[in-house]
Amino acid sequence: MEFLTEIIFRWLIVNTLGLYSRYVFFKIIGRKKSIKQLTVNENIKNDNLSQGLYNALIGLIVFCLISITIAYIVFSN
């Protein structure tokens, strides 16, 4: 069960929602960043933590907003 939770958290929330939300945000505001720049860079230790942390935070926020929106649509009369 722990393995499944780790896969869901790491792949769905962090890598998919967080990474692509940041990519779309930077594209909208006009700062062209590649997906590679927004992922974890193996060579720089400080960048590892910051990019992964930003992806996780943005991913969690987007996941919560999507969950609240779905709950509102399903349970509203």
C-alpha atoms as a PDB file:
ATOM      1  CA  MET A   1       0.000   0.000   0.000  1.00  0.00           C
ATOM      2  CA  GLU A   2       2.844   2.360   0.803  1.00  0.00           C
ATOM      3  CA  PHE A   3       4.380   1.690  -2.603  1.00  0.00           C
ATOM      4  CA  LEU A   4       1.117   2.584  -4.335  1.00  0.00           C
ATOM      5  CA  THR A   5       0.791   5.792  -2.337  1.00  0.00           C
ATOM      6  CA  GLU A   6       4.367   6.773  -3.215  1.00  0.00           C
ATOM      7  CA  ILE A   7       3.739   6.172  -6.913  1.00  0.00           C
ATOM      8  CA  ILE A   8       0.540   8.211  -6.868  1.00  0.00           C
ATOM      9  CA  PHE A   9       2.095  11.067  -4.914  1.00  0.00           C
ATOM     10  CA  ARG A  10       5.369  11.243  -6.778  1.00  0.00           C
ATOM     11  CA  TRP A  11       4.140  10.616 -10.305  1.00  0.00           C
ATOM     12  CA  LEU A  12       0.670  12.152 -10.387  1.00  0.00           C
ATOM     13  CA  ILE A  13       0.911  15.087  -8.046  1.00  0.00           C
ATOM     14  CA  VAL A  14       4.549  16.143  -8.221  1.00  0.00           C
ATOM     15  CA  ASN A  15       5.648  15.222 -11.719  1.00  0.00           C
ATOM     16  CA  THR A  16       2.430  15.662 -13.649  1.00  0.00           C
ATOM     17  CA  LEU A  17       0.377  18.358 -11.910  1.00  0.00           C
ATOM     18  CA  GLY A  18       3.226  20.372 -10.398  1.00  0.00           C
ATOM     19  CA  LEU A  19       5.608  20.260 -13.311  1.00  0.00           C
ATOM     20  CA  TYR A  20       3.117  20.959 -16.079  1.00  0.00           C
ATOM     21  CA  SER A  21       1.269  23.614 -14.069  1.00  0.00           C
ATOM     22  CA  ARG A  22       4.542  25.489 -13.624  1.00  0.00           C
ATOM     23  CA  TYR A  23       5.348  25.024 -17.321  1.00  0.00           C
ATOM     24  CA  VAL A  24       1.967  26.434 -18.415  1.00  0.00           C
ATOM     25  CA  PHE A  25       2.259  29.299 -15.907  1.00  0.00           C
ATOM     26  CA  PHE A  26       5.672  30.345 -17.215  1.00  0.00           C
ATOM     27  CA  LYS A  27       4.434  30.050 -20.781  1.00  0.00           C
ATOM     28  CA  ILE A  28       1.423  32.289 -20.018  1.00  0.00           C
ATOM     29  CA  ILE A  29       3.506  35.035 -18.381  1.00  0.00           C
ATOM     30  CA  GLY A  30       5.982  34.984 -21.254  1.00  0.00           C
ATOM     31  CA  ARG A  31       9.043  33.454 -19.606  1.00  0.00           C
ATOM     32  CA  LYS A  32       9.945  30.530 -21.838  1.00  0.00           C
ATOM     33  CA  LYS A  33      11.220  27.668 -19.701  1.00  0.00           C
ATOM     34  CA  SER A  34      11.682  24.128 -20.893  1.00  0.00           C
ATOM     35  CA  ILE A  35      10.439  21.089 -19.030  1.00  0.00           C
ATOM     36  CA  LYS A  36      14.072  20.128 -18.459  1.00  0.00           C
ATOM     37  CA  GLN A  37      14.746  23.408 -16.622  1.00  0.00           C
ATOM     38  CA  LEU A  38      11.777  22.797 -14.319  1.00  0.00           C
ATOM     39  CA  THR A  39      12.737  19.229 -13.433  1.00  0.00           C
ATOM     40  CA  VAL A  40      15.308  18.158 -10.901  1.00  0.00           C
ATOM     41  CA  ASN A  41      18.865  18.770 -12.046  1.00  0.00           C
ATOM     42  CA  GLU A  42      21.206  15.981 -10.917  1.00  0.00           C
ATOM     43  CA  ASN A  43      24.370  18.123 -11.014  1.00  0.00           C
ATOM     44  CA  ILE A  44      23.372  20.934  -8.655  1.00  0.00           C
ATOM     45  CA  LYS A  45      22.400  19.876  -5.116  1.00  0.00           C
ATOM     46  CA  ASN A  46      20.597  23.112  -4.114  1.00  0.00           C
ATOM     47  CA  ASP A  47      18.611  23.164  -7.354  1.00  0.00           C
ATOM     48  CA  ASN A  48      17.506  19.583  -6.670  1.00  0.00           C
ATOM     49  CA  LEU A  49      15.707  20.574  -3.530  1.00  0.00           C
ATOM     50  CA  SER A  50      14.213  23.794  -4.795  1.00  0.00           C
ATOM     51  CA  GLN A  51      12.789  22.501  -8.100  1.00  0.00           C
ATOM     52  CA  GLY A  52      11.415  19.349  -6.502  1.00  0.00           C
ATOM     53  CA  LEU A  53       9.940  21.370  -3.656  1.00  0.00           C
ATOM     54  CA  TYR A  54       8.305  23.859  -6.017  1.00  0.00           C
ATOM     55  CA  ASN A  55       6.859  21.053  -8.133  1.00  0.00           C
ATOM     56  CA  ALA A  56       5.497  19.309  -5.039  1.00  0.00           C
ATOM     57  CA  LEU A  57       3.938  22.468  -3.575  1.00  0.00           C
ATOM     58  CA  ILE A  58       2.329  23.541  -6.834  1.00  0.00           C
ATOM     59  CA  GLY A  59       1.193  19.969  -7.476  1.00  0.00           C
ATOM     60  CA  LEU A  60      -0.479  19.742  -4.067  1.00  0.00           C
ATOM     61  CA  ILE A  61      -2.207  23.093  -4.508  1.00  0.00           C
ATOM     62  CA  VAL A  62      -3.496  22.155  -7.975  1.00  0.00           C
ATOM     63  CA  PHE A  63      -4.591  18.724  -6.719  1.00  0.00           C
ATOM     64  CA  CYS A  64      -6.529  20.315  -3.831  1.00  0.00           C
ATOM     65  CA  LEU A  65      -8.190  22.838  -6.148  1.00  0.00           C
ATOM     66  CA  ILE A  66      -9.209  20.107  -8.584  1.00  0.00           C
ATOM     67  CA  SER A  67     -10.575  17.974  -5.717  1.00  0.00           C
ATOM     68  CA  ILE A  68     -12.574  20.883  -4.272  1.00  0.00           C
ATOM     69  CA  THR A  69     -13.956  21.754  -7.706  1.00  0.00           C
ATOM     70  CA  ILE A  70     -15.051  18.172  -8.358  1.00  0.00           C
ATOM     71  CA  ALA A  71     -16.634  17.908  -4.903  1.00  0.00           C
ATOM     72  CA  TYR A  72     -18.475  21.205  -5.442  1.00  0.00           C
ATOM     73  CA  ILE A  73     -19.827  20.081  -8.816  1.00  0.00           C
ATOM     74  CA  VAL A  74     -20.897  16.653  -7.526  1.00  0.00           C
ATOM     75  CA  PHE A  75     -22.506  17.772  -4.257  1.00  0.00           C
ATOM     76  CA  SER A  76     -24.090  21.069  -5.282  1.00  0.00           C
ATOM     77  CA  ASN A  77     -27.811  21.120  -5.942  1.00  0.00           C
END
